[in-house]
Amino acid sequence: MEECRSLFAKKLHDYKASWRILRPQSLTDQLFIKAKRIRSLEIKGTSLVGEGIRPEFIALINYGIVGLIQMERGFADTVDIDNEEALKLYDKHAQQALELMKRKNHDYDEAWRSMRVSSYTDFILTKIERIKEIEDLAGATLVSEGVESNYMDIINYAVFGAIKLG
């Protein structure tokens, strides 16, 4: 997570919190692009642009946290927070994801350690499809845990992938 936060801070320096303008559907599509690229690289076994799978897992972690921030704050028409506030929000949501991971690791007896990295990719893509459906239903679901829960799971599966590939 330190590596993820460091990259997030560097991107804040370069771009400010430009992601504040992302509407929920656009953020979902960004997550989709990253996860599809991981799956493509897993299947093809090669990258023509020279970037591997692990950086994409890191991007999923950071975009998942951005998603949680956007859920809390809503999207904006302009960059409406400074870098310091963005990092505070990042830390808050990263901590919440970590706390959830710890609780689930207890209940699932750290099963993630025996899983294949490709399973994390498939689970992330499934969570993204669920988010798309929730968005299409305008949040009017019957039994869903909601978008926030799916973001948290995406973050945690991506953390597992980054750890395993680290």
Protein backbone atom coordinates (compact mmCIF):
# COMPACT_ATOMS: atom_id res chain seq x y z
CA MET A 1 0.00 0.00 0.00
CA GLU A 2 2.96 2.32 0.54
CA GLU A 3 3.92 1.78 -3.10
CA CYS A 4 0.36 2.51 -4.21
CA ARG A 5 0.12 5.64 -2.09
CA SER A 6 3.49 6.90 -3.31
CA LEU A 7 2.38 6.55 -6.94
CA PHE A 8 -0.95 8.23 -6.11
CA ALA A 9 0.90 11.17 -4.51
CA LYS A 10 3.22 11.51 -7.52
CA LYS A 11 0.25 11.56 -9.87
CA LEU A 12 -1.42 14.17 -7.67
CA HIS A 13 1.70 16.29 -8.08
CA ASP A 14 1.59 15.95 -11.86
CA TYR A 15 -2.19 16.09 -12.48
CA LYS A 16 -3.76 17.34 -9.24
CA ALA A 17 -7.02 15.53 -8.37
CA SER A 18 -8.17 15.57 -12.00
CA TRP A 19 -10.07 12.34 -11.33
CA ARG A 20 -12.66 14.40 -9.41
CA ILE A 21 -14.44 15.01 -12.72
CA LEU A 22 -15.00 11.29 -13.33
CA ARG A 23 -18.64 10.30 -13.20
CA PRO A 24 -19.35 6.84 -11.76
CA GLN A 25 -19.74 5.14 -15.15
CA SER A 26 -16.44 6.56 -16.41
CA LEU A 27 -14.63 5.34 -13.32
CA THR A 28 -16.18 1.90 -13.80
CA ASP A 29 -14.96 1.87 -17.39
CA GLN A 30 -11.45 2.85 -16.25
CA LEU A 31 -11.45 -0.08 -13.82
CA PHE A 32 -12.72 -2.31 -16.64
CA ILE A 33 -9.90 -1.24 -18.98
CA LYS A 34 -7.26 -2.04 -16.38
CA ALA A 35 -8.75 -5.44 -15.48
CA LYS A 36 -9.25 -6.40 -19.14
CA ARG A 37 -5.61 -5.54 -19.84
CA ILE A 38 -4.51 -7.84 -17.01
CA ARG A 39 -6.63 -10.66 -18.39
CA SER A 40 -5.34 -10.05 -21.91
CA LEU A 41 -1.73 -10.19 -20.71
CA GLU A 42 -2.44 -13.34 -18.69
CA ILE A 43 -3.90 -15.05 -21.76
CA LYS A 44 -1.44 -13.77 -24.37
CA GLY A 45 1.62 -13.99 -22.16
CA THR A 46 3.25 -10.94 -23.74
CA SER A 47 2.93 -7.16 -23.68
CA LEU A 48 3.61 -5.05 -26.75
CA VAL A 49 3.89 -1.83 -24.72
CA GLY A 50 6.35 -3.25 -22.19
CA GLU A 51 4.26 -2.80 -19.06
CA GLY A 52 3.40 -5.82 -16.99
CA ILE A 53 0.48 -7.01 -14.92
CA ARG A 54 1.58 -5.77 -11.50
CA PRO A 55 1.34 -2.05 -12.41
CA GLU A 56 -2.24 -2.66 -13.53
CA PHE A 57 -3.11 -4.22 -10.15
CA ILE A 58 -1.65 -1.11 -8.51
CA ALA A 59 -3.78 1.07 -10.80
CA LEU A 60 -6.86 -0.96 -9.80
CA ILE A 61 -6.06 -0.35 -6.13
CA ASN A 62 -5.73 3.38 -6.67
CA TYR A 63 -8.78 3.70 -8.92
CA GLY A 64 -10.77 1.61 -6.43
CA ILE A 65 -9.86 4.09 -3.71
CA VAL A 66 -10.75 6.96 -6.07
CA GLY A 67 -14.12 5.24 -6.53
CA LEU A 68 -14.70 5.21 -2.78
CA ILE A 69 -13.78 8.89 -2.59
CA GLN A 70 -16.12 9.69 -5.45
CA MET A 71 -18.94 7.81 -3.72
CA GLU A 72 -18.36 9.86 -0.58
CA ARG A 73 -17.97 13.22 -2.31
CA GLY A 74 -19.78 12.83 -5.62
CA PHE A 75 -18.12 13.89 -8.85
CA ALA A 76 -17.28 17.52 -9.59
CA ASP A 77 -17.10 19.69 -12.69
CA THR A 78 -13.67 20.97 -11.68
CA VAL A 79 -10.84 19.92 -9.42
CA ASP A 80 -12.30 20.98 -6.09
CA ILE A 81 -9.83 19.52 -3.58
CA ASP A 82 -6.14 20.13 -3.05
CA ASN A 83 -3.50 17.41 -2.94
CA GLU A 84 -3.36 17.35 0.86
CA GLU A 85 -7.11 16.72 1.15
CA ALA A 86 -6.95 14.11 -1.61
CA LEU A 87 -4.24 12.23 0.28
CA LYS A 88 -6.23 12.39 3.52
CA LEU A 89 -9.24 10.91 1.73
CA TYR A 90 -6.99 8.29 0.13
CA ASP A 91 -5.59 7.28 3.51
CA LYS A 92 -9.05 7.09 5.07
CA HIS A 93 -10.41 4.76 2.39
CA ALA A 94 -7.23 2.69 2.15
CA GLN A 95 -7.47 2.10 5.90
CA GLN A 96 -11.11 1.04 5.61
CA ALA A 97 -10.21 -1.42 2.84
CA LEU A 98 -7.38 -2.80 4.98
CA GLU A 99 -9.68 -3.27 7.96
CA LEU A 100 -12.18 -5.15 5.77
CA MET A 101 -9.36 -7.30 4.38
CA LYS A 102 -8.24 -8.23 7.87
CA ARG A 103 -11.76 -9.25 8.89
CA LYS A 104 -12.25 -11.32 5.74
CA ASN A 105 -8.80 -12.89 6.06
CA HIS A 106 -9.80 -14.05 9.51
CA ASP A 107 -13.07 -15.54 8.31
CA TYR A 108 -11.64 -17.08 5.11
CA ASP A 109 -8.42 -18.25 6.79
CA GLU A 110 -6.29 -16.34 4.26
CA ALA A 111 -7.44 -18.53 1.37
CA TRP A 112 -6.14 -15.88 -1.04
CA ARG A 113 -2.61 -17.14 -0.45
CA SER A 114 -3.48 -20.44 -2.19
CA MET A 115 -5.38 -18.87 -5.08
CA ARG A 116 -4.11 -18.23 -8.58
CA VAL A 117 -3.49 -14.64 -9.66
CA SER A 118 -5.76 -15.23 -12.67
CA SER A 119 -8.63 -15.87 -10.25
CA TYR A 120 -8.16 -12.42 -8.73
CA THR A 121 -8.44 -10.99 -12.24
CA ASP A 122 -11.65 -12.88 -12.93
CA PHE A 123 -13.14 -11.91 -9.58
CA ILE A 124 -12.28 -8.25 -10.24
CA LEU A 125 -13.93 -8.40 -13.66
CA THR A 126 -16.99 -9.97 -12.04
CA LYS A 127 -17.14 -7.16 -9.47
CA ILE A 128 -16.89 -4.58 -12.27
CA GLU A 129 -19.77 -6.25 -14.13
CA ARG A 130 -21.80 -6.10 -10.92
CA ILE A 131 -21.03 -2.39 -10.56
CA LYS A 132 -22.17 -1.83 -14.16
CA GLU A 133 -25.45 -3.58 -13.42
CA ILE A 134 -26.00 -1.57 -10.24
CA GLU A 135 -25.31 1.63 -12.21
CA ASP A 136 -27.73 0.53 -14.94
CA LEU A 137 -30.35 -0.08 -12.25
CA ALA A 138 -29.64 3.38 -10.80
CA GLY A 139 -28.88 1.67 -7.48
CA ALA A 140 -32.36 0.10 -7.21
CA THR A 141 -31.12 -3.38 -6.30
CA LEU A 142 -32.86 -6.09 -4.30
CA VAL A 143 -30.01 -7.92 -2.54
CA SER A 144 -26.75 -6.31 -3.67
CA GLU A 145 -24.19 -5.15 -1.13
CA GLY A 146 -23.77 -2.08 -3.34
CA VAL A 147 -21.04 -0.37 -5.31
CA GLU A 148 -18.90 0.49 -2.27
CA SER A 149 -18.61 -3.16 -1.28
CA ASN A 150 -17.57 -4.07 -4.81
CA TYR A 151 -14.91 -1.33 -4.83
CA MET A 152 -13.55 -2.68 -1.55
CA ASP A 153 -13.36 -6.20 -2.98
CA ILE A 154 -11.64 -4.93 -6.15
CA ILE A 155 -9.05 -3.14 -4.02
CA ASN A 156 -8.42 -6.20 -1.89
CA TYR A 157 -8.17 -8.67 -4.80
CA ALA A 158 -5.79 -6.26 -6.53
CA VAL A 159 -3.69 -6.05 -3.35
CA PHE A 160 -3.47 -9.83 -3.32
CA GLY A 161 -2.38 -9.82 -6.97
CA ALA A 162 0.24 -7.13 -6.38
CA ILE A 163 1.60 -9.04 -3.36
CA LYS A 164 1.81 -12.31 -5.25
CA LEU A 165 3.54 -10.66 -8.22
CA GLY A 166 5.84 -8.55 -6.01
